[in-house]
């Protein structure tokens, strides 16, 4: 995992309950992590993609993605929610985990031709762990295997 997603990009026990709250959280964290420069621009990109078709999948997962000039480097942010998030999904179940893809505008996930994550009409939320910020309490379990075990649970 550490080659693909840094442990600082994984957030557990996030309290978001709506898609909008989750996307705002992800956008804010992208700026705090140095992945992006403008939270509002990243959020606008997430919202534009959601307006094309929900990124909610099946089995409690969503794969929101943003392509924006505000994104400095291609990155992934993983958020596991305390409760299910109200998100339009293929199976109608709430989202328990979002795997967000952030891509600079000049790179990948182009509008035409449509990429593999952008099918028309098909469904496709760094702050160190602190209490009150939706992250898990301790840093002791921020090792890759322990993080993935928590995300998968």
C-alpha atoms as a PDB file:
ATOM      1  CA  UNK A   1       0.000   0.000   0.000  1.00  0.00           C
ATOM      2  CA  UNK A   2       2.730   2.493   0.860  1.00  0.00           C
ATOM      3  CA  UNK A   3       3.843   2.662  -2.788  1.00  0.00           C
ATOM      4  CA  UNK A   4       0.325   3.445  -3.937  1.00  0.00           C
ATOM      5  CA  UNK A   5      -1.354   5.343  -1.095  1.00  0.00           C
ATOM      6  CA  UNK A   6       0.460   6.954   1.810  1.00  0.00           C
ATOM      7  CA  UNK A   7      -0.994   6.263   5.233  1.00  0.00           C
ATOM      8  CA  UNK A   8      -1.552  10.031   5.622  1.00  0.00           C
ATOM      9  CA  UNK A   9      -4.022   9.755   2.717  1.00  0.00           C
ATOM     10  CA  UNK A  10      -6.228   7.209   4.512  1.00  0.00           C
ATOM     11  CA  UNK A  11      -8.933   8.524   6.841  1.00  0.00           C
ATOM     12  CA  UNK A  12     -10.939   6.211   9.063  1.00  0.00           C
ATOM     13  CA  UNK A  13     -14.116   6.853  11.065  1.00  0.00           C
ATOM     14  CA  UNK A  14     -15.126   9.942   9.096  1.00  0.00           C
ATOM     15  CA  UNK A  15     -18.492  11.296  10.307  1.00  0.00           C
ATOM     16  CA  UNK A  16     -19.803  12.522   6.909  1.00  0.00           C
ATOM     17  CA  UNK A  17     -23.392  11.463   6.209  1.00  0.00           C
ATOM     18  CA  UNK A  18     -23.945  12.955   2.742  1.00  0.00           C
ATOM     19  CA  UNK A  19     -22.081  12.802  -0.539  1.00  0.00           C
ATOM     20  CA  UNK A  20     -21.628  16.586  -0.361  1.00  0.00           C
ATOM     21  CA  UNK A  21     -20.010  16.417   3.093  1.00  0.00           C
ATOM     22  CA  UNK A  22     -17.735  13.591   1.982  1.00  0.00           C
ATOM     23  CA  UNK A  23     -16.573  15.415  -1.149  1.00  0.00           C
ATOM     24  CA  UNK A  24     -15.954  18.603   0.857  1.00  0.00           C
ATOM     25  CA  UNK A  25     -13.851  16.623   3.354  1.00  0.00           C
ATOM     26  CA  UNK A  26     -11.814  15.023   0.569  1.00  0.00           C
ATOM     27  CA  UNK A  27     -11.294  18.388  -1.144  1.00  0.00           C
ATOM     28  CA  UNK A  28     -10.142  20.015   2.100  1.00  0.00           C
ATOM     29  CA  UNK A  29      -7.773  17.145   2.861  1.00  0.00           C
ATOM     30  CA  UNK A  30      -6.293  17.322  -0.640  1.00  0.00           C
ATOM     31  CA  UNK A  31      -5.199  20.893   0.104  1.00  0.00           C
ATOM     32  CA  UNK A  32      -3.905  20.042   3.585  1.00  0.00           C
ATOM     33  CA  UNK A  33      -1.879  17.158   2.138  1.00  0.00           C
ATOM     34  CA  UNK A  34      -0.352  19.385  -0.535  1.00  0.00           C
ATOM     35  CA  UNK A  35      -2.060  17.412  -3.312  1.00  0.00           C
ATOM     36  CA  UNK A  36      -4.078  20.438  -4.430  1.00  0.00           C
ATOM     37  CA  UNK A  37      -3.984  24.213  -4.058  1.00  0.00           C
ATOM     38  CA  UNK A  38      -7.684  25.138  -3.998  1.00  0.00           C
ATOM     39  CA  UNK A  39     -10.340  23.164  -2.115  1.00  0.00           C
ATOM     40  CA  UNK A  40     -13.234  24.948  -3.846  1.00  0.00           C
ATOM     41  CA  UNK A  41     -11.866  24.131  -7.307  1.00  0.00           C
ATOM     42  CA  UNK A  42     -11.371  20.469  -6.402  1.00  0.00           C
ATOM     43  CA  UNK A  43     -14.885  20.284  -4.950  1.00  0.00           C
ATOM     44  CA  UNK A  44     -16.312  21.881  -8.101  1.00  0.00           C
ATOM     45  CA  UNK A  45     -14.566  19.210 -10.187  1.00  0.00           C
ATOM     46  CA  UNK A  46     -15.940  16.396  -7.986  1.00  0.00           C
ATOM     47  CA  UNK A  47     -19.448  17.901  -8.255  1.00  0.00           C
ATOM     48  CA  UNK A  48     -19.166  18.273 -12.049  1.00  0.00           C
ATOM     49  CA  UNK A  49     -18.250  14.594 -12.334  1.00  0.00           C
ATOM     50  CA  UNK A  50     -21.113  13.553 -10.033  1.00  0.00           C
ATOM     51  CA  UNK A  51     -23.519  15.553 -12.229  1.00  0.00           C
ATOM     52  CA  UNK A  52     -22.518  13.367 -15.199  1.00  0.00           C
ATOM     53  CA  UNK A  53     -23.419  10.228 -13.248  1.00  0.00           C
ATOM     54  CA  UNK A  54     -22.905   9.051  -9.723  1.00  0.00           C
ATOM     55  CA  UNK A  55     -19.561   7.559  -8.780  1.00  0.00           C
ATOM     56  CA  UNK A  56     -21.325   5.340  -6.222  1.00  0.00           C
ATOM     57  CA  UNK A  57     -20.640   1.708  -7.012  1.00  0.00           C
ATOM     58  CA  UNK A  58     -21.900  -1.455  -5.285  1.00  0.00           C
ATOM     59  CA  UNK A  59     -21.143  -3.025  -1.941  1.00  0.00           C
ATOM     60  CA  UNK A  60     -20.702   0.265  -0.088  1.00  0.00           C
ATOM     61  CA  UNK A  61     -17.999   1.804  -2.287  1.00  0.00           C
ATOM     62  CA  UNK A  62     -17.729   5.042  -4.238  1.00  0.00           C
ATOM     63  CA  UNK A  63     -14.915   6.110  -6.527  1.00  0.00           C
ATOM     64  CA  UNK A  64     -15.248   9.887  -6.866  1.00  0.00           C
ATOM     65  CA  UNK A  65     -12.740  11.533  -9.140  1.00  0.00           C
ATOM     66  CA  UNK A  66     -11.675  15.083  -9.823  1.00  0.00           C
ATOM     67  CA  UNK A  67      -9.635  16.476 -12.685  1.00  0.00           C
ATOM     68  CA  UNK A  68      -8.592  20.043 -11.984  1.00  0.00           C
ATOM     69  CA  UNK A  69      -5.822  22.581 -12.533  1.00  0.00           C
ATOM     70  CA  UNK A  70      -5.841  22.918  -8.724  1.00  0.00           C
ATOM     71  CA  UNK A  71      -4.533  19.348  -8.390  1.00  0.00           C
ATOM     72  CA  UNK A  72      -0.724  19.322  -8.348  1.00  0.00           C
ATOM     73  CA  UNK A  73      -0.089  15.574  -8.452  1.00  0.00           C
ATOM     74  CA  UNK A  74      -2.056  12.457  -9.246  1.00  0.00           C
ATOM     75  CA  UNK A  75      -3.144  10.996  -5.918  1.00  0.00           C
ATOM     76  CA  UNK A  76      -5.609   8.744  -4.141  1.00  0.00           C
ATOM     77  CA  UNK A  77      -7.421   9.537  -0.891  1.00  0.00           C
ATOM     78  CA  UNK A  78      -9.289   6.763   0.928  1.00  0.00           C
ATOM     79  CA  UNK A  79     -12.052   7.601   3.405  1.00  0.00           C
ATOM     80  CA  UNK A  80     -13.958   5.084   5.500  1.00  0.00           C
ATOM     81  CA  UNK A  81     -17.136   6.466   7.049  1.00  0.00           C
ATOM     82  CA  UNK A  82     -18.520   5.799  10.525  1.00  0.00           C
ATOM     83  CA  UNK A  83     -21.990   5.247   9.081  1.00  0.00           C
ATOM     84  CA  UNK A  84     -23.173   4.807   5.547  1.00  0.00           C
ATOM     85  CA  UNK A  85     -23.137   7.948   3.426  1.00  0.00           C
ATOM     86  CA  UNK A  86     -26.216   8.886   1.381  1.00  0.00           C
ATOM     87  CA  UNK A  87     -24.840   8.506  -2.156  1.00  0.00           C
ATOM     88  CA  UNK A  88     -26.552   7.290  -5.300  1.00  0.00           C
ATOM     89  CA  UNK A  89     -25.201   3.765  -5.863  1.00  0.00           C
ATOM     90  CA  UNK A  90     -25.872   0.934  -8.302  1.00  0.00           C
ATOM     91  CA  UNK A  91     -27.313  -1.300  -5.588  1.00  0.00           C
ATOM     92  CA  UNK A  92     -28.990   1.441  -3.531  1.00  0.00           C
ATOM     93  CA  UNK A  93     -26.833   0.832  -0.466  1.00  0.00           C
ATOM     94  CA  UNK A  94     -25.078   3.625   1.464  1.00  0.00           C
ATOM     95  CA  UNK A  95     -21.381   4.202   0.828  1.00  0.00           C
ATOM     96  CA  UNK A  96     -19.050   3.021   3.605  1.00  0.00           C
ATOM     97  CA  UNK A  97     -15.767   3.716   1.812  1.00  0.00           C
ATOM     98  CA  UNK A  98     -14.742   6.277  -0.818  1.00  0.00           C
ATOM     99  CA  UNK A  99     -11.620   5.863  -2.897  1.00  0.00           C
ATOM    100  CA  UNK A 100     -11.078   9.305  -4.413  1.00  0.00           C
ATOM    101  CA  UNK A 101      -8.891   9.846  -7.467  1.00  0.00           C
ATOM    102  CA  UNK A 102      -7.380  13.305  -7.959  1.00  0.00           C
ATOM    103  CA  UNK A 103      -5.708  14.113 -11.271  1.00  0.00           C
ATOM    104  CA  UNK A 104      -4.153  17.328 -12.640  1.00  0.00           C
ATOM    105  CA  UNK A 105      -6.245  18.703 -15.537  1.00  0.00           C
ATOM    106  CA  UNK A 106      -3.350  18.418 -17.961  1.00  0.00           C
ATOM    107  CA  UNK A 107      -3.111  14.676 -17.249  1.00  0.00           C
ATOM    108  CA  UNK A 108      -5.463  11.694 -17.741  1.00  0.00           C
ATOM    109  CA  UNK A 109      -9.205  11.233 -17.230  1.00  0.00           C
ATOM    110  CA  UNK A 110      -9.932  13.407 -20.252  1.00  0.00           C
ATOM    111  CA  UNK A 111     -13.388  14.391 -21.420  1.00  0.00           C
ATOM    112  CA  UNK A 112     -13.012  13.025 -24.940  1.00  0.00           C
ATOM    113  CA  UNK A 113     -12.627  10.233 -25.564  1.00  0.00           C
ATOM    114  CA  UNK A 114     -14.166   9.089 -22.325  1.00  0.00           C
ATOM    115  CA  UNK A 115     -11.835   7.069 -20.135  1.00  0.00           C
ATOM    116  CA  UNK A 116     -12.583   3.788 -18.377  1.00  0.00           C
ATOM    117  CA  UNK A 117     -13.802   5.580 -15.242  1.00  0.00           C
ATOM    118  CA  UNK A 118     -16.182   7.849 -17.132  1.00  0.00           C
ATOM    119  CA  UNK A 119     -18.961   5.800 -18.699  1.00  0.00           C
ATOM    120  CA  UNK A 120     -22.069   7.767 -19.573  1.00  0.00           C
ATOM    121  CA  UNK A 121     -25.055   7.014 -17.431  1.00  0.00           C
ATOM    122  CA  UNK A 122     -23.268   4.500 -15.199  1.00  0.00           C
ATOM    123  CA  UNK A 123     -22.460   4.950 -11.542  1.00  0.00           C
ATOM    124  CA  UNK A 124     -19.033   4.795 -11.006  1.00  0.00           C
ATOM    125  CA  UNK A 125     -15.434  11.968   1.081  1.00  0.00           C
ATOM    126  CA  UNK A 126      -4.231  15.363   5.642  1.00  0.00           C
ATOM    127  CA  UNK A 127      -5.056  15.813   8.716  1.00  0.00           C
ATOM    128  CA  UNK A 128      -3.069  13.724  11.154  1.00  0.00           C
ATOM    129  CA  UNK A 129      -5.277  11.533  13.275  1.00  0.00           C
ATOM    130  CA  UNK A 130      -6.907  13.842  15.807  1.00  0.00           C
ATOM    131  CA  UNK A 131     -10.043  13.487  17.821  1.00  0.00           C
ATOM    132  CA  UNK A 132     -12.925  15.485  16.419  1.00  0.00           C
ATOM    133  CA  UNK A 133     -11.633  15.420  12.856  1.00  0.00           C
ATOM    134  CA  UNK A 134     -13.247  12.200  11.687  1.00  0.00           C
ATOM    135  CA  UNK A 135      -9.999  10.263  11.758  1.00  0.00           C
ATOM    136  CA  UNK A 136      -9.241   7.283  13.913  1.00  0.00           C
ATOM    137  CA  UNK A 137      -7.891   8.067  17.350  1.00  0.00           C
ATOM    138  CA  UNK A 138      -4.406   6.601  17.380  1.00  0.00           C
ATOM    139  CA  UNK A 139      -1.412   6.435  15.113  1.00  0.00           C
ATOM    140  CA  UNK A 140      -0.418   2.969  16.287  1.00  0.00           C
ATOM    141  CA  UNK A 141      -2.542   1.321  13.611  1.00  0.00           C
ATOM    142  CA  UNK A 142      -1.461   3.573  10.731  1.00  0.00           C
ATOM    143  CA  UNK A 143       0.755   0.848   9.285  1.00  0.00           C
ATOM    144  CA  UNK A 144      -0.364  -0.251   5.798  1.00  0.00           C
ATOM    145  CA  UNK A 145      -1.636  -3.719   6.755  1.00  0.00           C
ATOM    146  CA  UNK A 146      -3.571  -2.423   9.753  1.00  0.00           C
ATOM    147  CA  UNK A 147      -5.065   0.435   7.699  1.00  0.00           C
ATOM    148  CA  UNK A 148      -6.280  -1.884   4.950  1.00  0.00           C
ATOM    149  CA  UNK A 149      -7.665  -4.283   7.510  1.00  0.00           C
ATOM    150  CA  UNK A 150      -9.712  -1.416   8.984  1.00  0.00           C
ATOM    151  CA  UNK A 151     -10.818  -0.151   5.539  1.00  0.00           C
ATOM    152  CA  UNK A 152     -11.900  -3.639   4.514  1.00  0.00           C
ATOM    153  CA  UNK A 153     -13.844  -4.272   7.738  1.00  0.00           C
END
